[in-house]
């Protein structure tokens, strides 16, 4: 397995983790939410799809010699 494929799989897992984290942050109800966690959830929700897309592209690239 090439290095770009390993990085791609890692980015795919990171994108899925970001989606799960952001949905958990936005589904959390309560008045005692931390502003830093809210902002981190917002950024995770914004960037999960580009991260997942870039991971798929990296895992599909084959190095030409």
N, C-alpha and C. Protein backbone atom coordinates (compact mmCIF):
# COMPACT_ATOMS: atom_id res chain seq x y z
N UNK A 1 0.85 -1.16 0.00
CA UNK A 1 0.00 0.00 0.00
C UNK A 1 0.90 1.23 0.00
N UNK A 2 0.61 2.16 -0.90
CA UNK A 2 1.43 3.35 -1.03
C UNK A 2 1.13 4.37 0.06
N UNK A 3 2.04 5.30 0.21
CA UNK A 3 1.91 6.31 1.24
C UNK A 3 0.69 7.19 1.01
N UNK A 4 0.41 7.53 -0.26
CA UNK A 4 -0.75 8.38 -0.53
C UNK A 4 -2.05 7.66 -0.20
N UNK A 5 -2.09 6.36 -0.39
CA UNK A 5 -3.28 5.60 -0.03
C UNK A 5 -3.47 5.55 1.47
N UNK A 6 -2.38 5.41 2.22
CA UNK A 6 -2.48 5.42 3.68
C UNK A 6 -2.96 6.77 4.19
N UNK A 7 -2.44 7.84 3.60
CA UNK A 7 -2.89 9.18 3.99
C UNK A 7 -4.35 9.39 3.62
N UNK A 8 -4.74 8.86 2.48
CA UNK A 8 -6.13 8.98 2.05
C UNK A 8 -7.08 8.27 2.99
N UNK A 9 -6.72 7.07 3.41
CA UNK A 9 -7.56 6.32 4.35
C UNK A 9 -7.63 7.05 5.68
N UNK A 10 -6.50 7.61 6.10
CA UNK A 10 -6.49 8.39 7.34
C UNK A 10 -7.39 9.61 7.26
N UNK A 11 -7.37 10.30 6.12
CA UNK A 11 -8.23 11.46 5.95
C UNK A 11 -9.71 11.07 5.87
N UNK A 12 -10.00 9.93 5.28
CA UNK A 12 -11.38 9.46 5.25
C UNK A 12 -11.88 9.20 6.67
N UNK A 13 -11.06 8.54 7.47
CA UNK A 13 -11.45 8.28 8.86
C UNK A 13 -11.58 9.58 9.65
N UNK A 14 -10.69 10.54 9.38
CA UNK A 14 -10.78 11.83 10.04
C UNK A 14 -12.07 12.56 9.66
N UNK A 15 -12.45 12.52 8.38
CA UNK A 15 -13.69 13.16 7.93
C UNK A 15 -14.92 12.55 8.59
N UNK A 16 -14.94 11.24 8.70
CA UNK A 16 -16.08 10.57 9.35
C UNK A 16 -16.13 10.93 10.83
N UNK A 17 -14.96 10.97 11.48
CA UNK A 17 -14.90 11.35 12.89
C UNK A 17 -15.36 12.79 13.09
N UNK A 18 -14.97 13.67 12.19
CA UNK A 18 -15.40 15.07 12.29
C UNK A 18 -16.91 15.19 12.15
N UNK A 19 -17.51 14.41 11.26
CA UNK A 19 -18.96 14.45 11.08
C UNK A 19 -19.66 13.97 12.34
N UNK A 20 -19.19 12.87 12.90
CA UNK A 20 -19.81 12.33 14.12
C UNK A 20 -19.67 13.32 15.27
N UNK A 21 -18.50 13.92 15.42
CA UNK A 21 -18.27 14.89 16.50
C UNK A 21 -19.17 16.11 16.34
N UNK A 22 -19.26 16.63 15.12
CA UNK A 22 -20.07 17.84 14.93
C UNK A 22 -21.55 17.57 15.14
N UNK A 23 -22.04 16.41 14.73
CA UNK A 23 -23.45 16.11 14.98
C UNK A 23 -23.72 15.91 16.47
N UNK A 24 -22.76 15.35 17.18
CA UNK A 24 -22.93 15.21 18.63
C UNK A 24 -22.93 16.57 19.33
N UNK A 25 -22.11 17.49 18.86
CA UNK A 25 -22.07 18.82 19.47
C UNK A 25 -23.37 19.56 19.21
N UNK A 26 -23.89 19.48 17.99
CA UNK A 26 -25.12 20.20 17.67
C UNK A 26 -26.36 19.53 18.25
N UNK A 27 -26.29 18.23 18.53
CA UNK A 27 -27.42 17.53 19.12
C UNK A 27 -27.46 17.69 20.63
N UNK A 28 -26.38 18.16 21.21
CA UNK A 28 -26.31 18.33 22.66
C UNK A 28 -27.23 19.47 23.08
N UNK A 29 -28.11 19.19 24.01
CA UNK A 29 -29.00 20.22 24.52
C UNK A 29 -28.60 20.56 25.94
N UNK A 30 -28.60 21.81 26.23
CA UNK A 30 -28.23 22.24 27.58
C UNK A 30 -27.63 23.63 27.53
N UNK A 31 -27.71 24.33 28.62
CA UNK A 31 -27.22 25.69 28.66
C UNK A 31 -25.77 25.82 29.05
N UNK A 32 -25.14 24.73 29.44
CA UNK A 32 -23.76 24.80 29.92
C UNK A 32 -22.76 24.38 28.86
N UNK A 33 -22.98 24.76 27.62
CA UNK A 33 -22.05 24.37 26.57
C UNK A 33 -20.88 25.34 26.53
N UNK A 34 -19.72 24.79 26.27
CA UNK A 34 -18.49 25.57 26.21
C UNK A 34 -18.38 26.22 24.82
N UNK A 35 -18.00 27.49 24.76
CA UNK A 35 -17.90 28.21 23.49
C UNK A 35 -16.82 27.61 22.60
N UNK A 36 -15.73 27.14 23.19
CA UNK A 36 -14.65 26.54 22.40
C UNK A 36 -15.13 25.25 21.73
N UNK A 37 -15.86 24.43 22.45
CA UNK A 37 -16.37 23.18 21.89
C UNK A 37 -17.41 23.48 20.80
N UNK A 38 -18.23 24.51 21.02
CA UNK A 38 -19.20 24.89 19.99
C UNK A 38 -18.51 25.34 18.71
N UNK A 39 -17.46 26.14 18.85
CA UNK A 39 -16.72 26.60 17.67
C UNK A 39 -15.99 25.44 16.98
N UNK A 40 -15.47 24.52 17.76
CA UNK A 40 -14.81 23.35 17.19
C UNK A 40 -15.81 22.48 16.44
N UNK A 41 -17.02 22.34 16.99
CA UNK A 41 -18.07 21.60 16.30
C UNK A 41 -18.48 22.26 15.01
N UNK A 42 -18.54 23.60 15.01
CA UNK A 42 -18.88 24.33 13.79
C UNK A 42 -17.82 24.13 12.72
N UNK A 43 -16.56 24.25 13.10
CA UNK A 43 -15.48 24.05 12.12
C UNK A 43 -15.44 22.61 11.62
N UNK A 44 -15.72 21.66 12.51
CA UNK A 44 -15.75 20.26 12.09
C UNK A 44 -16.87 20.02 11.09
N UNK A 45 -18.02 20.66 11.32
CA UNK A 45 -19.15 20.50 10.40
C UNK A 45 -18.85 21.14 9.06
N UNK A 46 -18.13 22.25 9.05
CA UNK A 46 -17.81 22.92 7.79
C UNK A 46 -16.80 22.12 6.98
N UNK A 47 -15.79 21.55 7.63
CA UNK A 47 -14.67 20.95 6.91
C UNK A 47 -14.71 19.43 6.80
N UNK A 48 -15.79 18.75 7.24
CA UNK A 48 -15.79 17.29 7.16
C UNK A 48 -15.90 16.81 5.72
N UNK A 49 -16.71 17.48 4.90
CA UNK A 49 -16.89 17.03 3.52
C UNK A 49 -15.63 17.25 2.67
N UNK A 50 -14.98 18.43 2.73
CA UNK A 50 -13.73 18.56 1.97
C UNK A 50 -12.64 17.59 2.42
N UNK A 51 -12.59 17.31 3.71
CA UNK A 51 -11.60 16.35 4.22
C UNK A 51 -11.88 14.95 3.68
N UNK A 52 -13.15 14.57 3.69
CA UNK A 52 -13.53 13.26 3.17
C UNK A 52 -13.26 13.16 1.67
N UNK A 53 -13.59 14.21 0.93
CA UNK A 53 -13.36 14.22 -0.52
C UNK A 53 -11.87 14.13 -0.84
N UNK A 54 -11.06 14.90 -0.14
CA UNK A 54 -9.62 14.87 -0.37
C UNK A 54 -9.04 13.51 -0.01
N UNK A 55 -9.57 12.87 1.01
CA UNK A 55 -9.12 11.53 1.37
C UNK A 55 -9.45 10.49 0.31
N UNK A 56 -10.64 10.61 -0.27
CA UNK A 56 -11.03 9.68 -1.35
C UNK A 56 -10.13 9.89 -2.56
N UNK A 57 -9.83 11.15 -2.89
CA UNK A 57 -8.97 11.44 -4.03
C UNK A 57 -7.57 10.89 -3.79
N UNK A 58 -7.04 11.09 -2.59
CA UNK A 58 -5.70 10.59 -2.29
C UNK A 58 -5.64 9.06 -2.30
N UNK A 59 -6.69 8.42 -1.83
CA UNK A 59 -6.65 6.96 -1.80
C UNK A 59 -6.82 6.35 -3.19
N UNK A 60 -7.39 7.11 -4.13
CA UNK A 60 -7.59 6.59 -5.48
C UNK A 60 -6.42 6.87 -6.42
N UNK A 61 -5.55 7.79 -6.02
CA UNK A 61 -4.41 8.15 -6.89
C UNK A 61 -3.40 7.00 -6.89
N UNK A 62 -2.99 6.64 -8.07
CA UNK A 62 -1.92 5.65 -8.21
C UNK A 62 -0.69 6.35 -8.75
N UNK A 63 0.43 6.08 -8.15
CA UNK A 63 1.67 6.73 -8.56
C UNK A 63 2.16 6.11 -9.86
N UNK A 64 2.42 6.95 -10.85
CA UNK A 64 2.89 6.49 -12.15
C UNK A 64 4.42 6.60 -12.19
N UNK A 65 5.08 5.53 -12.53
CA UNK A 65 6.56 5.55 -12.65
C UNK A 65 6.95 5.49 -14.09
